[in-house]
Amino acid sequence: MQLIIYYVVFMISGDFAAYFIGLFVEYEWGSHASLIVFLALYFGFLWVSWVLAVWATEPKKANPAASNEQDAGSAGPN
């Protein structure tokens, strides 16, 4: 569930960025260029949002060296 929430948040942020960048391009170069830029950014943000959401929700890996030191310290003298 957390993955979907992160994805939606990243996607909404990307949509706003694509919209405002497309709006700027429309004012500068016209609607045809704006459409191309907006669509490219929109579909790019679909992919980037998914990659960021997976990265943000990836389980943290345990450090095996740290767990071995803890195990050795808790065992006491032999």
N, C-alpha and C. Protein backbone atom coordinates (compact mmCIF):
# COMPACT_ATOMS: atom_id res chain seq x y z
N MET A 1 0.82 -1.20 0.00
CA MET A 1 0.00 0.00 0.00
C MET A 1 0.87 1.26 0.00
N GLN A 2 1.97 1.18 0.75
CA GLN A 2 2.86 2.34 0.83
C GLN A 2 3.46 2.66 -0.53
N LEU A 3 3.75 1.62 -1.33
CA LEU A 3 4.31 1.82 -2.66
C LEU A 3 3.35 2.64 -3.53
N ILE A 4 2.07 2.32 -3.48
CA ILE A 4 1.08 3.04 -4.29
C ILE A 4 0.96 4.49 -3.84
N ILE A 5 1.00 4.72 -2.53
CA ILE A 5 0.91 6.09 -2.02
C ILE A 5 2.11 6.92 -2.50
N TYR A 6 3.31 6.36 -2.38
CA TYR A 6 4.49 7.07 -2.88
C TYR A 6 4.38 7.34 -4.38
N TYR A 7 3.91 6.34 -5.13
CA TYR A 7 3.79 6.50 -6.57
C TYR A 7 2.83 7.64 -6.92
N VAL A 8 1.69 7.67 -6.25
CA VAL A 8 0.69 8.71 -6.53
C VAL A 8 1.24 10.09 -6.18
N VAL A 9 1.94 10.20 -5.05
CA VAL A 9 2.51 11.49 -4.66
C VAL A 9 3.56 11.95 -5.68
N PHE A 10 4.46 11.04 -6.07
CA PHE A 10 5.46 11.39 -7.08
C PHE A 10 4.81 11.72 -8.41
N MET A 11 3.76 11.01 -8.77
CA MET A 11 3.10 11.24 -10.05
C MET A 11 2.39 12.59 -10.06
N ILE A 12 1.73 12.96 -8.97
CA ILE A 12 1.07 14.27 -8.90
C ILE A 12 2.10 15.38 -9.01
N SER A 13 3.23 15.22 -8.33
CA SER A 13 4.31 16.22 -8.42
C SER A 13 4.82 16.32 -9.86
N GLY A 14 5.00 15.18 -10.50
CA GLY A 14 5.46 15.18 -11.89
C GLY A 14 4.45 15.78 -12.84
N ASP A 15 3.15 15.55 -12.58
CA ASP A 15 2.11 16.14 -13.43
C ASP A 15 2.12 17.66 -13.35
N PHE A 16 2.27 18.18 -12.14
CA PHE A 16 2.35 19.64 -12.00
C PHE A 16 3.57 20.19 -12.71
N ALA A 17 4.71 19.51 -12.57
CA ALA A 17 5.92 19.97 -13.26
C ALA A 17 5.73 19.93 -14.77
N ALA A 18 5.16 18.85 -15.29
CA ALA A 18 4.94 18.74 -16.74
C ALA A 18 3.98 19.82 -17.22
N TYR A 19 2.94 20.09 -16.43
CA TYR A 19 1.96 21.11 -16.81
C TYR A 19 2.62 22.49 -16.89
N PHE A 20 3.35 22.86 -15.84
CA PHE A 20 3.92 24.22 -15.82
C PHE A 20 5.05 24.38 -16.84
N ILE A 21 5.83 23.34 -17.05
CA ILE A 21 6.86 23.42 -18.09
C ILE A 21 6.20 23.51 -19.47
N GLY A 22 5.14 22.73 -19.68
CA GLY A 22 4.40 22.81 -20.94
C GLY A 22 3.76 24.16 -21.14
N LEU A 23 3.27 24.76 -20.07
CA LEU A 23 2.68 26.09 -20.15
C LEU A 23 3.72 27.13 -20.55
N PHE A 24 4.90 27.02 -19.96
CA PHE A 24 5.99 27.93 -20.32
C PHE A 24 6.37 27.77 -21.79
N VAL A 25 6.48 26.51 -22.24
CA VAL A 25 6.84 26.25 -23.64
C VAL A 25 5.76 26.81 -24.57
N GLU A 26 4.50 26.71 -24.18
CA GLU A 26 3.42 27.25 -25.02
C GLU A 26 3.54 28.76 -25.16
N TYR A 27 3.86 29.45 -24.09
CA TYR A 27 4.01 30.90 -24.18
C TYR A 27 5.20 31.29 -25.05
N GLU A 28 6.25 30.49 -25.01
CA GLU A 28 7.47 30.84 -25.74
C GLU A 28 7.44 30.39 -27.20
N TRP A 29 6.96 29.14 -27.47
CA TRP A 29 7.10 28.58 -28.81
C TRP A 29 5.81 28.10 -29.45
N GLY A 30 4.69 28.16 -28.75
CA GLY A 30 3.42 27.79 -29.36
C GLY A 30 2.87 26.45 -28.86
N SER A 31 1.64 26.18 -29.29
CA SER A 31 0.92 25.02 -28.76
C SER A 31 1.45 23.69 -29.29
N HIS A 32 1.96 23.66 -30.52
CA HIS A 32 2.47 22.40 -31.06
C HIS A 32 3.67 21.91 -30.25
N ALA A 33 4.62 22.80 -30.02
CA ALA A 33 5.80 22.44 -29.22
C ALA A 33 5.39 22.09 -27.80
N SER A 34 4.41 22.82 -27.26
CA SER A 34 3.95 22.58 -25.91
C SER A 34 3.37 21.16 -25.76
N LEU A 35 2.59 20.73 -26.73
CA LEU A 35 2.00 19.40 -26.68
C LEU A 35 3.08 18.32 -26.68
N ILE A 36 4.07 18.47 -27.53
CA ILE A 36 5.16 17.50 -27.60
C ILE A 36 5.92 17.44 -26.28
N VAL A 37 6.25 18.61 -25.75
CA VAL A 37 7.00 18.67 -24.49
C VAL A 37 6.17 18.09 -23.35
N PHE A 38 4.90 18.47 -23.27
CA PHE A 38 4.05 17.98 -22.19
C PHE A 38 3.92 16.46 -22.23
N LEU A 39 3.64 15.90 -23.40
CA LEU A 39 3.47 14.45 -23.50
C LEU A 39 4.76 13.70 -23.18
N ALA A 40 5.88 14.23 -23.66
CA ALA A 40 7.17 13.59 -23.34
C ALA A 40 7.43 13.62 -21.84
N LEU A 41 7.19 14.76 -21.21
CA LEU A 41 7.39 14.86 -19.77
C LEU A 41 6.40 13.99 -19.00
N TYR A 42 5.17 13.98 -19.42
CA TYR A 42 4.14 13.21 -18.73
C TYR A 42 4.51 11.72 -18.69
N PHE A 43 4.83 11.17 -19.86
CA PHE A 43 5.17 9.74 -19.90
C PHE A 43 6.52 9.47 -19.25
N GLY A 44 7.43 10.43 -19.31
CA GLY A 44 8.69 10.29 -18.59
C GLY A 44 8.48 10.26 -17.08
N PHE A 45 7.58 11.11 -16.60
CA PHE A 45 7.30 11.13 -15.17
C PHE A 45 6.57 9.87 -14.70
N LEU A 46 5.82 9.21 -15.57
CA LEU A 46 5.23 7.92 -15.20
C LEU A 46 6.33 6.93 -14.80
N TRP A 47 7.35 6.86 -15.62
CA TRP A 47 8.45 5.94 -15.37
C TRP A 47 9.28 6.38 -14.17
N VAL A 48 9.64 7.68 -14.12
CA VAL A 48 10.47 8.20 -13.02
C VAL A 48 9.75 8.04 -11.68
N SER A 49 8.46 8.30 -11.65
CA SER A 49 7.69 8.16 -10.42
C SER A 49 7.70 6.72 -9.92
N TRP A 50 7.59 5.77 -10.83
CA TRP A 50 7.61 4.37 -10.42
C TRP A 50 8.98 3.99 -9.86
N VAL A 51 10.04 4.40 -10.53
CA VAL A 51 11.39 4.09 -10.06
C VAL A 51 11.63 4.71 -8.68
N LEU A 52 11.23 5.97 -8.50
CA LEU A 52 11.41 6.63 -7.19
C LEU A 52 10.57 5.96 -6.11
N ALA A 53 9.35 5.58 -6.43
CA ALA A 53 8.49 4.93 -5.44
C ALA A 53 9.05 3.58 -5.01
N VAL A 54 9.55 2.81 -5.95
CA VAL A 54 10.16 1.51 -5.62
C VAL A 54 11.41 1.73 -4.79
N TRP A 55 12.22 2.70 -5.15
CA TRP A 55 13.44 3.00 -4.40
C TRP A 55 13.12 3.46 -2.97
N ALA A 56 12.10 4.30 -2.82
CA ALA A 56 11.74 4.85 -1.51
C ALA A 56 11.14 3.80 -0.58
N THR A 57 10.49 2.79 -1.13
CA THR A 57 9.83 1.78 -0.30
C THR A 57 10.60 0.47 -0.24
N GLU A 58 11.77 0.42 -0.83
CA GLU A 58 12.57 -0.81 -0.82
C GLU A 58 12.97 -1.14 0.61
N PRO A 59 12.81 -2.40 1.02
CA PRO A 59 13.22 -2.77 2.39
C PRO A 59 14.72 -2.57 2.57
N LYS A 60 15.08 -2.07 3.73
CA LYS A 60 16.50 -1.85 4.03
C LYS A 60 17.17 -3.18 4.31
N LYS A 61 18.35 -3.34 3.75
CA LYS A 61 19.09 -4.58 3.94
C LYS A 61 19.90 -4.50 5.24
N ALA A 62 19.94 -5.60 5.96
CA ALA A 62 20.71 -5.66 7.20
C ALA A 62 22.19 -5.76 6.88
N ASN A 63 23.00 -5.17 7.73
CA ASN A 63 24.45 -5.23 7.56
C ASN A 63 24.94 -6.51 8.24
N PRO A 64 25.40 -7.54 7.49
CA PRO A 64 25.80 -8.80 8.11
C PRO A 64 26.99 -8.64 9.05
N ALA A 65 27.88 -7.71 8.78
CA ALA A 65 29.04 -7.52 9.65
C ALA A 65 28.60 -7.00 11.01
N ALA A 66 27.63 -6.12 11.03
CA ALA A 66 27.14 -5.57 12.29
C ALA A 66 26.43 -6.64 13.11
N SER A 67 25.66 -7.50 12.46
CA SER A 67 24.96 -8.54 13.21
C SER A 67 25.94 -9.59 13.74
N ASN A 68 27.03 -9.86 13.03
CA ASN A 68 28.02 -10.80 13.51
C ASN A 68 28.75 -10.25 14.74
N GLU A 69 29.03 -8.96 14.73
CA GLU A 69 29.68 -8.35 15.88
C GLU A 69 28.76 -8.38 17.09
N GLN A 70 27.50 -8.16 16.90
CA GLN A 70 26.54 -8.21 18.00
C GLN A 70 26.44 -9.62 18.54
N ASP A 71 26.39 -10.61 17.65
CA ASP A 71 26.29 -12.00 18.08
C ASP A 71 27.54 -12.40 18.86
N ALA A 72 28.69 -11.98 18.38
CA ALA A 72 29.93 -12.33 19.05
C ALA A 72 30.03 -11.66 20.42
N GLY A 73 29.57 -10.44 20.53
CA GLY A 73 29.62 -9.73 21.79
C GLY A 73 28.63 -10.26 22.80
N SER A 74 27.50 -10.78 22.38
CA SER A 74 26.50 -11.25 23.31
C SER A 74 26.78 -12.68 23.78
N ALA A 75 27.65 -13.40 23.08
CA ALA A 75 27.91 -14.78 23.45
C ALA A 75 28.79 -14.87 24.71
N GLY A 76 29.59 -13.86 24.94
CA GLY A 76 30.45 -13.88 26.11
C GLY A 76 31.69 -14.73 25.86
N PRO A 77 32.53 -14.85 26.87
CA PRO A 77 33.77 -15.64 26.71
C PRO A 77 33.45 -17.13 26.62
N ASN A 78 34.26 -17.85 25.86
CA ASN A 78 34.07 -19.29 25.69
C ASN A 78 34.87 -20.07 26.68
